[in-house]
Amino acid sequence: MNQQAHEASLKPYYVVFAALMALVALTVEVARHDFGEWNFAIAVLIAAVKAVLIIYYFMHVRQSASLTRLMVGAGFMWLAILFTLSFADYWTRG
């Protein structure tokens, strides 16, 4: 691999790293403010975006076969269902 191709292939990683750092800063800033009932939803949304970026780029899912992407997506969906049901149970117990 020549130098230009190597540098070009690293550019998405630098962009994703910068996005992750921006999301960390956003997480810290959100934690400093009180959004009432939305605190948890905002924190989970930011965490989900960070997880998707890490899975998609740093775990090389974007370069994987379609079946691998389908399995990762199914796993992520199953995790979301489990979290939703767990928190629905927790919040309705009063």
Foldseek 3Di string as FASTA:
>chain_A
DDPVVVVVVCVVVVVLVVVLVVLVVVLVVLVVDDPDPCSVVVNVVSVVVNVCSCCVPVVVPVVDDPVSVVVVVVVVVVVVVVVVVVVVVVVVVD
